[in-house]
Protein backbone atom coordinates (compact mmCIF):
# COMPACT_ATOMS: atom_id res chain seq x y z
CA MET A 1 -27.42 11.27 -13.93
CA ASN A 2 -30.38 9.43 -12.47
CA PRO A 3 -29.85 9.35 -8.64
CA ILE A 4 -30.86 5.69 -8.46
CA ILE A 5 -28.29 4.68 -11.10
CA TYR A 6 -25.64 6.81 -9.38
CA ASN A 7 -26.24 5.18 -5.97
CA GLN A 8 -26.12 1.72 -7.52
CA LEU A 9 -22.80 2.54 -9.16
CA LYS A 10 -21.37 3.66 -5.81
CA LEU A 11 -22.41 0.40 -4.17
CA LEU A 12 -20.73 -1.62 -6.91
CA ASN A 13 -17.38 -0.10 -5.98
CA LEU A 14 -16.80 -1.59 -2.53
CA LYS A 15 -13.15 -2.46 -2.98
CA LYS A 16 -11.02 -2.39 0.13
CA THR A 17 -7.81 -0.75 1.23
CA TYR A 18 -4.85 -2.96 2.14
CA TYR A 19 -5.16 -3.91 5.81
CA LEU A 20 -1.43 -3.68 6.67
CA PRO A 21 -0.22 -0.08 7.14
CA ASP A 22 2.87 1.16 5.30
CA ALA A 23 4.11 3.70 7.87
CA ASP A 24 6.41 2.22 10.55
CA ALA A 25 4.57 3.68 13.56
CA GLU A 26 1.16 2.59 12.26
CA ARG A 27 2.50 -0.85 11.38
CA LEU A 28 3.86 -1.23 14.92
CA ASN A 29 0.46 -0.33 16.39
CA TRP A 30 -1.17 -2.83 14.05
CA LEU A 31 1.28 -5.55 15.13
CA ILE A 32 0.69 -4.83 18.84
CA ASN A 33 -3.07 -5.21 18.37
CA PHE A 34 -2.65 -8.35 16.26
CA ASN A 35 -0.38 -10.03 18.81
CA ASN A 36 -2.56 -9.04 21.78
CA LYS A 37 -5.71 -10.38 20.15
CA ILE A 38 -4.04 -13.61 18.97
CA SER A 39 -2.01 -14.55 22.04
CA GLY A 40 -3.07 -15.81 25.44
CA THR A 41 -5.52 -18.49 26.54
CA THR A 42 -8.46 -16.22 25.68
CA GLY A 43 -6.98 -15.03 22.37
CA TYR A 44 -8.01 -16.03 18.87
CA GLY A 45 -4.89 -18.19 18.58
CA ALA A 46 -6.53 -20.94 20.61
CA THR A 47 -9.71 -20.80 18.54
CA LEU A 48 -7.75 -20.87 15.30
CA GLY A 49 -5.46 -23.67 16.45
CA LEU A 50 -2.20 -21.73 16.19
CA THR A 51 0.81 -23.63 17.52
CA PRO A 52 2.98 -22.49 20.46
CA ALA A 53 5.86 -22.06 18.01
CA GLN A 54 3.78 -19.67 15.89
CA LEU A 55 2.76 -17.62 18.93
CA ILE A 56 6.37 -17.39 20.16
CA TYR A 57 7.61 -16.35 16.73
CA LEU A 58 4.90 -13.67 16.59
CA LEU A 59 5.87 -12.35 20.03
CA ASN A 60 9.59 -12.36 19.21
CA GLY A 61 8.93 -10.46 16.00
CA LEU A 62 6.90 -7.89 17.92
CA LYS A 63 9.72 -7.42 20.45
CA MET A 64 12.29 -6.96 17.72
CA TYR A 65 10.17 -4.57 15.67
CA THR A 66 9.37 -2.53 18.79
CA TYR A 67 13.04 -2.20 19.72
CA ILE A 68 14.24 -1.39 16.20
CA PHE A 69 11.55 1.27 15.87
CA ALA A 70 12.69 2.79 19.19
CA LEU A 71 16.30 2.65 17.99
CA MET A 72 15.40 4.39 14.73
CA THR A 73 13.50 7.09 16.64
CA ALA A 74 16.47 7.66 18.96
CA ALA A 75 18.86 7.76 16.01
CA GLU A 76 16.70 10.33 14.21
CA SER A 77 16.58 12.50 17.33
CA PHE A 78 20.37 12.18 17.72
CA TYR A 79 20.84 13.19 14.08
CA HIS A 80 18.86 16.39 14.64
CA THR A 81 20.87 17.11 17.80
CA CYS A 82 24.13 16.68 15.87
CA THR A 83 22.80 18.92 13.10
CA SER A 84 22.05 21.66 15.64
CA PHE A 85 25.57 21.28 17.06
CA LYS A 86 27.06 21.57 13.57
CA ASP A 87 24.90 24.62 12.79
CA GLY A 88 26.25 26.24 15.97
CA LEU A 89 29.79 25.77 14.72
CA ASN A 90 28.80 27.32 11.40
CA ALA A 91 27.12 30.32 13.04
CA VAL A 92 28.31 33.77 11.94
CA VAL A 93 28.18 35.08 15.53
CA ILE A 94 31.04 34.06 17.81
CA GLY A 95 29.72 32.45 20.98
CA THR A 96 31.14 32.47 24.48
CA VAL A 97 29.61 29.28 25.93
CA PRO A 98 31.14 25.97 24.73
CA GLN A 99 28.64 23.49 23.33
CA ALA A 100 28.35 20.01 24.81
CA ILE A 101 29.22 17.31 22.31
CA PRO A 102 26.07 15.27 21.59
CA VAL A 103 25.94 11.79 23.09
CA PHE A 104 23.77 9.07 21.61
CA ASN A 105 21.49 7.38 24.15
CA ALA A 106 20.37 4.07 22.74
CA PRO A 107 17.13 2.60 24.09
CA THR A 108 17.52 -0.14 26.66
CA GLY A 109 16.12 -3.63 26.53
CA ALA A 110 17.58 -4.87 23.26
CA PRO A 111 16.13 -8.33 22.45
CA THR A 112 18.49 -11.25 22.90
CA ILE A 113 16.54 -13.42 20.46
CA THR A 114 17.06 -13.43 16.68
CA VAL A 115 14.28 -12.91 14.17
CA PRO A 116 15.00 -13.90 10.55
CA ALA A 117 14.42 -11.45 7.71
CA GLY A 118 10.95 -11.64 6.18
CA PHE A 119 9.00 -11.49 9.44
CA PHE A 120 6.15 -9.57 7.87
CA ALA A 121 6.11 -11.91 4.87
CA TRP A 122 5.45 -14.62 7.45
CA ILE A 123 2.71 -12.44 8.96
CA LEU A 124 1.01 -12.16 5.57
CA GLU A 125 1.08 -15.93 5.15
CA LEU A 126 -0.30 -16.35 8.67
CA VAL A 127 -3.15 -13.94 7.97
CA ALA A 128 -3.95 -15.74 4.71
CA SER A 129 -4.15 -19.07 6.56
CA ILE A 130 -6.32 -17.51 9.28
CA LYS A 131 -8.83 -16.30 6.70
CA THR A 132 -9.23 -19.83 5.33
CA ASN A 133 -9.64 -21.38 8.78
CA PRO A 134 -13.16 -22.78 9.36
CA ALA A 135 -13.23 -21.06 12.77
CA TYR A 136 -12.55 -17.64 11.26
CA THR A 137 -15.35 -15.05 11.29
CA ASN A 138 -15.71 -11.58 9.82
CA GLU A 139 -16.01 -10.13 13.32
CA MET A 140 -12.70 -11.77 14.21
CA GLY A 141 -11.09 -10.23 11.13
CA ILE A 142 -12.32 -6.77 12.08
CA ASP A 143 -11.00 -7.19 15.62
CA LEU A 144 -7.62 -8.37 14.34
CA LYS A 145 -7.61 -5.52 11.78
CA ILE A 146 -6.92 -7.89 8.90
CA ILE A 147 -9.84 -6.59 6.84
CA GLY A 148 -9.26 -3.35 4.96
CA SER A 149 -11.79 -0.54 5.03
CA ASN A 150 -14.17 -0.06 2.12
CA ILE A 151 -13.15 2.28 -0.69
CA VAL A 152 -16.20 4.10 -2.02
CA ILE A 153 -15.46 6.35 -4.97
CA ASP A 154 -17.71 9.35 -5.50
CA TRP A 155 -18.31 8.88 -9.20
CA ALA A 156 -19.99 12.29 -9.38
CA THR A 157 -16.57 13.92 -8.97
CA ALA A 158 -14.27 11.19 -10.32
CA GLN A 159 -12.01 12.43 -13.11
CA PRO A 160 -9.67 10.52 -15.46
CA THR A 161 -6.03 11.47 -14.94
CA LYS A 162 -2.62 10.77 -16.48
CA VAL A 163 -3.99 11.10 -20.01
CA LYS A 164 -1.20 10.77 -22.57
CA VAL A 165 -1.31 10.67 -26.37
CA SER A 166 1.30 10.12 -29.07
CA ALA A 167 1.25 9.83 -32.85
CA ASN A 168 2.87 6.79 -34.41
CA ALA A 169 2.46 4.77 -37.63
CA GLY A 170 -0.39 6.88 -38.96
CA ALA A 171 -2.48 6.73 -35.80
CA VAL A 172 -2.84 8.43 -32.43
CA HIS A 173 -2.36 6.15 -29.44
CA GLY A 174 -3.57 7.17 -26.01
CA VAL A 175 -3.63 5.93 -22.43
CA PHE A 176 -5.25 7.10 -19.19
CA LEU A 177 -5.55 5.96 -15.59
CA LYS A 178 -8.71 3.82 -15.63
CA GLY A 179 -8.74 3.00 -11.94
CA GLN A 180 -11.94 1.24 -10.97
CA ALA A 181 -14.00 2.57 -13.84
CA THR A 182 -15.17 0.00 -16.37
CA GLY A 183 -13.88 2.05 -19.29
CA GLY A 184 -13.68 5.46 -20.88
CA ARG A 185 -15.24 7.57 -23.60
CA VAL A 186 -12.65 9.25 -25.79
CA GLU A 187 -13.52 12.59 -27.35
CA CYS A 188 -11.47 14.66 -29.78
CA LYS A 189 -11.45 18.00 -31.55
CA ARG A 190 -9.38 18.13 -34.76
CA GLY A 191 -7.91 21.12 -36.53
CA THR A 192 -10.66 23.66 -37.26
CA GLU A 193 -13.41 21.71 -35.49
CA THR A 194 -15.18 23.75 -32.83
CA ALA A 195 -16.71 20.95 -30.77
CA PHE A 196 -15.56 17.67 -29.27
CA THR A 197 -16.97 14.48 -30.78
CA THR A 198 -16.78 10.89 -29.57
CA VAL A 199 -13.96 8.87 -31.14
CA THR A 200 -14.46 5.59 -29.33
CA GLU A 201 -15.47 3.94 -26.08
CA VAL A 202 -13.01 1.49 -24.56
CA SER A 203 -13.16 -1.03 -21.75
CA GLY A 204 -9.44 -0.77 -21.04
CA ALA A 205 -7.06 2.09 -20.33
CA LYS A 206 -5.77 2.46 -23.92
CA PHE A 207 -7.28 3.76 -27.13
CA THR A 208 -6.31 4.27 -30.77
CA ASP A 209 -7.55 6.90 -33.21
CA THR A 210 -6.87 5.87 -36.83
CA ARG A 211 -8.73 8.74 -38.51
CA HIS A 212 -6.96 10.77 -41.18
CA ASN A 213 -6.48 14.50 -40.81
CA LEU A 214 -9.28 16.75 -41.94
CA PHE A 215 -7.11 17.81 -44.86
CA VAL A 216 -4.89 14.97 -46.07
CA GLY A 217 -1.24 15.90 -46.02
CA VAL A 218 -1.83 19.00 -43.88
CA PRO A 219 -0.61 18.82 -40.25
CA GLU A 220 -3.30 19.55 -37.64
CA THR A 221 -3.59 20.04 -33.91
CA ARG A 222 -5.77 17.58 -32.07
CA GLN A 223 -7.22 17.88 -28.58
CA TYR A 224 -8.30 14.80 -26.63
CA ARG A 225 -10.28 14.37 -23.42
CA ILE A 226 -11.70 11.37 -21.54
CA TRP A 227 -14.87 10.64 -19.60
CA TYR A 228 -15.12 7.70 -17.21
CA LEU A 229 -17.60 4.94 -17.98
CA LYS A 230 -19.18 2.86 -15.25
CA ASN A 231 -21.25 0.01 -16.65
CA ASN A 232 -21.60 1.90 -19.96
CA VAL A 233 -22.80 5.07 -18.21
CA VAL A 234 -20.76 8.28 -18.39
CA VAL A 235 -19.92 9.40 -14.86
CA GLY A 236 -17.90 12.08 -13.12
CA LEU A 237 -15.93 14.96 -14.58
CA VAL A 238 -14.15 15.15 -17.91
CA SER A 239 -10.37 14.90 -17.89
CA SER A 240 -7.97 17.71 -18.64
CA ILE A 241 -7.41 18.27 -22.35
CA VAL A 242 -4.19 16.97 -23.92
CA THR A 243 -2.96 18.34 -27.23
CA LEU A 244 -0.63 17.08 -29.95
CA SER A 245 0.23 17.80 -33.56
CA VAL A 246 -0.54 15.11 -36.11
CA ASN A 247 1.16 14.88 -39.51
CA ASP A 248 -1.05 12.80 -41.75
């Protein structure tokens, strides 16, 4: 592919990851940063006009999430300790030293406040309102970590996946994972054919092949493969081949 076209295609794909982490530990770190940068007289909360009630709710949610995460960590550690104790009882070698029964040590400092369910749903609404605030800037969003990082796909190595085909009502119906491509080129090799030929180009993730078998009434094996299209240009690597039998 022409290097200029390839580079332009990469630049067109600047979608972003979701800013809020899924993993508990990473989400806690995100929340700590968000609260620290929002709260206080020098925080963004004052610039954005957040109310004292919003700042208190944010802080209370942070305290609760921090404690629950610590409690979960302690519980997981206790579980492993109990498992080791149980494994000792199941050991095939008779021991001489009695094992100490595990004791759960809960973290101290349990919050006395209550935080309703849906705290992070409230966070998402707060972030959405922040991004529409006239005082909001891109630099602020980066500092608060409410802007996801760019996703740049290397279209030179991108490959269609999850290609599936099935025969029904006199036609072959197929689907593939289109992702951020603008479409796909469908190629097929029927029966005794020795080379793949283009069946169709689609803008979606589905395709239909209504061609009859090479020999009407004679079952044949068909092989299908997909190329990604980006702005009508074939890019990347061809998919794995999927095969099915078609009874015309």
